[in-house]
C-alpha atoms as a PDB file:
ATOM      1  CA  MET A   1     -17.882   4.687 -14.476  1.00  0.00           C
ATOM      2  CA  ALA A   2     -19.094   2.863 -17.400  1.00  0.00           C
ATOM      3  CA  ALA A   3     -17.205   1.010 -20.026  1.00  0.00           C
ATOM      4  CA  GLY A   4     -17.942   3.801 -22.584  1.00  0.00           C
ATOM      5  CA  ASP A   5     -16.149   6.574 -20.307  1.00  0.00           C
ATOM      6  CA  LEU A   6     -12.792   4.781 -20.568  1.00  0.00           C
ATOM      7  CA  GLU A   7     -12.023   6.430 -23.930  1.00  0.00           C
ATOM      8  CA  LYS A   8     -12.815   9.798 -22.226  1.00  0.00           C
ATOM      9  CA  VAL A   9     -10.580   9.250 -19.367  1.00  0.00           C
ATOM     10  CA  GLY A  10      -7.609   8.194 -21.722  1.00  0.00           C
ATOM     11  CA  PRO A  11      -6.409  11.865 -22.139  1.00  0.00           C
ATOM     12  CA  LEU A  12      -6.720  12.624 -18.625  1.00  0.00           C
ATOM     13  CA  PHE A  13      -4.879   9.303 -17.515  1.00  0.00           C
ATOM     14  CA  ASP A  14      -2.071  10.160 -20.158  1.00  0.00           C
ATOM     15  CA  GLY A  15      -1.750  13.768 -18.749  1.00  0.00           C
ATOM     16  CA  TYR A  16      -1.521  12.410 -15.167  1.00  0.00           C
ATOM     17  CA  ARG A  17       1.223  10.042 -16.297  1.00  0.00           C
ATOM     18  CA  GLN A  18       3.103  13.132 -17.887  1.00  0.00           C
ATOM     19  CA  PHE A  19       2.673  15.099 -14.720  1.00  0.00           C
ATOM     20  CA  TYR A  20       4.874  12.251 -13.141  1.00  0.00           C
ATOM     21  CA  GLU A  21       7.352  12.854 -15.881  1.00  0.00           C
ATOM     22  CA  GLN A  22       6.362   9.686 -18.002  1.00  0.00           C
ATOM     23  CA  SER A  23       6.276  10.035 -21.827  1.00  0.00           C
ATOM     24  CA  SER A  24       2.945  10.342 -23.470  1.00  0.00           C
ATOM     25  CA  ASP A  25       1.595   6.942 -24.601  1.00  0.00           C
ATOM     26  CA  ARG A  26      -2.173   7.074 -25.253  1.00  0.00           C
ATOM     27  CA  ALA A  27      -2.090   3.435 -26.649  1.00  0.00           C
ATOM     28  CA  ALA A  28      -0.456   2.020 -23.588  1.00  0.00           C
ATOM     29  CA  SER A  29      -2.478   4.153 -21.329  1.00  0.00           C
ATOM     30  CA  ASP A  30      -5.654   3.144 -22.687  1.00  0.00           C
ATOM     31  CA  ARG A  31      -4.803  -0.383 -22.706  1.00  0.00           C
ATOM     32  CA  PHE A  32      -3.766  -0.244 -19.009  1.00  0.00           C
ATOM     33  CA  LEU A  33      -7.105   1.422 -18.028  1.00  0.00           C
ATOM     34  CA  ARG A  34      -9.162  -0.953 -19.907  1.00  0.00           C
ATOM     35  CA  GLU A  35      -7.245  -4.100 -18.518  1.00  0.00           C
ATOM     36  CA  ARG A  36      -7.865  -2.676 -14.917  1.00  0.00           C
ATOM     37  CA  PHE A  37     -11.591  -2.206 -15.799  1.00  0.00           C
ATOM     38  CA  THR A  38     -12.371  -5.389 -17.404  1.00  0.00           C
ATOM     39  CA  ARG A  39     -10.417  -7.359 -14.683  1.00  0.00           C
ATOM     40  CA  ARG A  40     -12.121  -5.297 -11.941  1.00  0.00           C
ATOM     41  CA  GLU A  41      -8.876  -4.354 -10.476  1.00  0.00           C
ATOM     42  CA  SER A  42      -9.503  -0.767  -9.932  1.00  0.00           C
ATOM     43  CA  VAL A  43     -12.353   1.654  -9.719  1.00  0.00           C
ATOM     44  CA  VAL A  44     -12.274   4.846 -11.478  1.00  0.00           C
ATOM     45  CA  LEU A  45     -14.306   7.976 -10.377  1.00  0.00           C
ATOM     46  CA  VAL A  46     -14.762  10.759 -12.641  1.00  0.00           C
ATOM     47  CA  ALA A  47     -15.542  14.499 -12.487  1.00  0.00           C
ATOM     48  CA  GLU A  48     -17.620  16.016 -15.362  1.00  0.00           C
ATOM     49  CA  ARG A  49     -18.337  19.705 -16.242  1.00  0.00           C
ATOM     50  CA  LYS A  50     -20.627  20.623 -18.901  1.00  0.00           C
ATOM     51  CA  GLY A  51     -20.319  17.135 -20.549  1.00  0.00           C
ATOM     52  CA  PHE A  52     -16.621  17.011 -20.297  1.00  0.00           C
ATOM     53  CA  LEU A  53     -14.543  14.844 -18.078  1.00  0.00           C
ATOM     54  CA  VAL A  54     -12.214  17.143 -16.187  1.00  0.00           C
ATOM     55  CA  GLY A  55     -10.687  14.882 -13.604  1.00  0.00           C
ATOM     56  CA  PHE A  56     -10.392  11.342 -12.291  1.00  0.00           C
ATOM     57  CA  ALA A  57      -9.454   9.235  -9.164  1.00  0.00           C
ATOM     58  CA  GLN A  58      -8.360   5.617  -9.455  1.00  0.00           C
ATOM     59  CA  LEU A  59      -8.615   3.325  -6.400  1.00  0.00           C
ATOM     60  CA  TYR A  60      -7.078  -0.127  -6.239  1.00  0.00           C
ATOM     61  CA  PRO A  61      -8.642  -2.676  -3.641  1.00  0.00           C
ATOM     62  CA  LEU A  62      -6.031  -4.138  -1.057  1.00  0.00           C
ATOM     63  CA  PHE A  63      -6.547  -5.699   2.380  1.00  0.00           C
ATOM     64  CA  SER A  64      -5.095  -4.862   5.691  1.00  0.00           C
ATOM     65  CA  SER A  65      -3.912  -7.677   7.746  1.00  0.00           C
ATOM     66  CA  ILE A  66      -3.745  -5.500  10.904  1.00  0.00           C
ATOM     67  CA  SER A  67      -7.358  -4.156  10.514  1.00  0.00           C
ATOM     68  CA  LEU A  68      -8.504  -7.433   9.114  1.00  0.00           C
ATOM     69  CA  GLY A  69     -10.462  -5.698   6.334  1.00  0.00           C
ATOM     70  CA  ARG A  70     -10.676  -4.034   2.890  1.00  0.00           C
ATOM     71  CA  VAL A  71      -8.545  -0.924   2.012  1.00  0.00           C
ATOM     72  CA  TYR A  72      -8.492   1.012  -0.937  1.00  0.00           C
ATOM     73  CA  LEU A  73      -5.198   2.760  -2.344  1.00  0.00           C
ATOM     74  CA  LEU A  74      -6.154   6.105  -4.026  1.00  0.00           C
ATOM     75  CA  ASN A  75      -3.276   5.536  -6.461  1.00  0.00           C
ATOM     76  CA  ASP A  76      -4.224   8.419  -8.973  1.00  0.00           C
ATOM     77  CA  LEU A  77      -5.915  11.635  -8.726  1.00  0.00           C
ATOM     78  CA  PHE A  78      -5.791  14.194 -11.437  1.00  0.00           C
ATOM     79  CA  VAL A  79      -7.596  17.275 -12.620  1.00  0.00           C
ATOM     80  CA  ASP A  80      -7.178  19.000 -16.020  1.00  0.00           C
ATOM     81  CA  PRO A  81      -4.871  22.029 -15.380  1.00  0.00           C
ATOM     82  CA  GLU A  82      -7.655  24.336 -16.798  1.00  0.00           C
ATOM     83  CA  HIS A  83     -10.064  23.167 -13.980  1.00  0.00           C
ATOM     84  CA  ARG A  84      -7.857  23.166 -10.954  1.00  0.00           C
ATOM     85  CA  ARG A  85      -8.625  25.239  -7.943  1.00  0.00           C
ATOM     86  CA  ARG A  86     -12.265  25.044  -8.559  1.00  0.00           C
ATOM     87  CA  GLY A  87     -13.186  22.293  -6.216  1.00  0.00           C
ATOM     88  CA  VAL A  88     -12.887  19.301  -8.604  1.00  0.00           C
ATOM     89  CA  GLY A  89     -10.205  17.612  -6.663  1.00  0.00           C
ATOM     90  CA  GLY A  90     -12.078  17.952  -3.430  1.00  0.00           C
ATOM     91  CA  LEU A  91     -15.158  16.519  -4.981  1.00  0.00           C
ATOM     92  CA  LEU A  92     -13.194  13.432  -6.226  1.00  0.00           C
ATOM     93  CA  LEU A  93     -11.740  12.904  -2.846  1.00  0.00           C
ATOM     94  CA  ASP A  94     -15.241  13.144  -1.370  1.00  0.00           C
ATOM     95  CA  ALA A  95     -16.428  10.667  -3.983  1.00  0.00           C
ATOM     96  CA  ALA A  96     -13.436   8.317  -3.110  1.00  0.00           C
ATOM     97  CA  ARG A  97     -14.492   8.625   0.589  1.00  0.00           C
ATOM     98  CA  GLU A  98     -18.038   7.730  -0.096  1.00  0.00           C
ATOM     99  CA  PHE A  99     -17.119   4.950  -2.339  1.00  0.00           C
ATOM    100  CA  GLY A 100     -14.794   3.352   0.264  1.00  0.00           C
ATOM    101  CA  ARG A 101     -17.571   3.788   2.974  1.00  0.00           C
ATOM    102  CA  SER A 102     -20.093   2.107   0.685  1.00  0.00           C
ATOM    103  CA  GLU A 103     -17.691  -0.767   0.167  1.00  0.00           C
ATOM    104  CA  GLY A 104     -17.244  -1.186   3.871  1.00  0.00           C
ATOM    105  CA  ALA A 105     -13.446  -0.262   3.685  1.00  0.00           C
ATOM    106  CA  HIS A 106     -11.703   0.449   6.876  1.00  0.00           C
ATOM    107  CA  TYR A 107      -9.684   3.242   5.308  1.00  0.00           C
ATOM    108  CA  LEU A 108      -8.207   4.815   2.104  1.00  0.00           C
ATOM    109  CA  GLU A 109      -4.701   5.513   1.765  1.00  0.00           C
ATOM    110  CA  LEU A 110      -2.393   7.393  -0.604  1.00  0.00           C
ATOM    111  CA  SER A 111       1.132   8.416  -1.251  1.00  0.00           C
ATOM    112  CA  THR A 112       2.348  11.383  -3.216  1.00  0.00           C
ATOM    113  CA  ALA A 113       5.476  13.314  -4.092  1.00  0.00           C
ATOM    114  CA  VAL A 114       7.076  15.286  -1.210  1.00  0.00           C
ATOM    115  CA  ASP A 115       6.776  18.379  -3.371  1.00  0.00           C
ATOM    116  CA  ASN A 116       3.229  17.768  -4.759  1.00  0.00           C
ATOM    117  CA  PRO A 117       1.290  21.015  -3.880  1.00  0.00           C
ATOM    118  CA  ALA A 118      -1.967  18.772  -3.579  1.00  0.00           C
ATOM    119  CA  GLN A 119      -0.935  17.931  -0.084  1.00  0.00           C
ATOM    120  CA  ARG A 120      -2.700  20.897   1.013  1.00  0.00           C
ATOM    121  CA  LEU A 121      -5.978  19.589  -0.655  1.00  0.00           C
ATOM    122  CA  TYR A 122      -5.455  16.125   0.939  1.00  0.00           C
ATOM    123  CA  GLU A 123      -5.130  17.650   4.327  1.00  0.00           C
ATOM    124  CA  SER A 124      -8.198  20.106   3.881  1.00  0.00           C
ATOM    125  CA  CYS A 125     -10.196  17.118   2.969  1.00  0.00           C
ATOM    126  CA  GLY A 126      -9.311  15.276   6.382  1.00  0.00           C
ATOM    127  CA  TRP A 127      -6.369  13.143   4.961  1.00  0.00           C
ATOM    128  CA  VAL A 128      -3.831  12.591   7.743  1.00  0.00           C
ATOM    129  CA  TRP A 129      -0.042  12.315   7.268  1.00  0.00           C
ATOM    130  CA  ASP A 130       0.863   8.878   8.702  1.00  0.00           C
ATOM    131  CA  ARG A 131       3.838   9.622  10.966  1.00  0.00           C
ATOM    132  CA  GLY A 132       3.948   6.147  12.448  1.00  0.00           C
ATOM    133  CA  PHE A 133       4.940   4.340   9.277  1.00  0.00           C
ATOM    134  CA  LEU A 134       7.512   4.991   6.659  1.00  0.00           C
ATOM    135  CA  TYR A 135       6.823   3.971   2.985  1.00  0.00           C
ATOM    136  CA  TYR A 136       9.432   1.953   1.076  1.00  0.00           C
ATOM    137  CA  GLU A 137       9.609   0.473  -2.323  1.00  0.00           C
ATOM    138  CA  LEU A 138      11.842  -2.128  -3.921  1.00  0.00           C
ATOM    139  CA  PRO A 139      12.576  -1.168  -7.489  1.00  0.00           C
ATOM    140  CA  LEU A 140      12.196  -4.277  -9.838  1.00  0.00           C
ATOM    141  CA  ARG A 141      12.328  -2.675 -13.141  1.00  0.00           C
ATOM    142  CA  SER A 142      14.450   0.193 -14.477  1.00  0.00           C
ATOM    143  CA  PRO A 143      13.904   3.728 -13.152  1.00  0.00           C
ATOM    144  CA  THR A 144      12.225   4.953 -16.538  1.00  0.00           C
ATOM    145  CA  ALA A 145       9.480   2.258 -16.001  1.00  0.00           C
ATOM    146  CA  GLY A 146       7.837   4.238 -13.332  1.00  0.00           C
ATOM    147  CA  HIS A 147       6.077   2.951 -10.266  1.00  0.00           C
END
């Protein structure tokens, strides 16, 4: 993604946050994306149809002490509701896989809401539910601040 695409991703990113019950805040969403991009703290992959962005995936670089290598967290995946069930999510997951491979990552990981219907999509694209580890978090801010 080029810097010029950030403005186009903004509405989708804001929609993603609203999906997870956060208030719409385009200015804060745009600022967050711009900071991640300029600091090279994330990679944003986009899906385009007929000149319009219809979905995105955002990956954050991590490291694994166990595998002694690079890992990417697929933190955000969102497809515009009008373009769902048309293969866009699968294409974004494929692009994330190829990006990870090209970077020499040992694996990609994600977490999702237990009731998120996208779980079927993840599994159909080869993602495996990790039954060996539990995911915990320690809230450091108020619950309304989100993850």
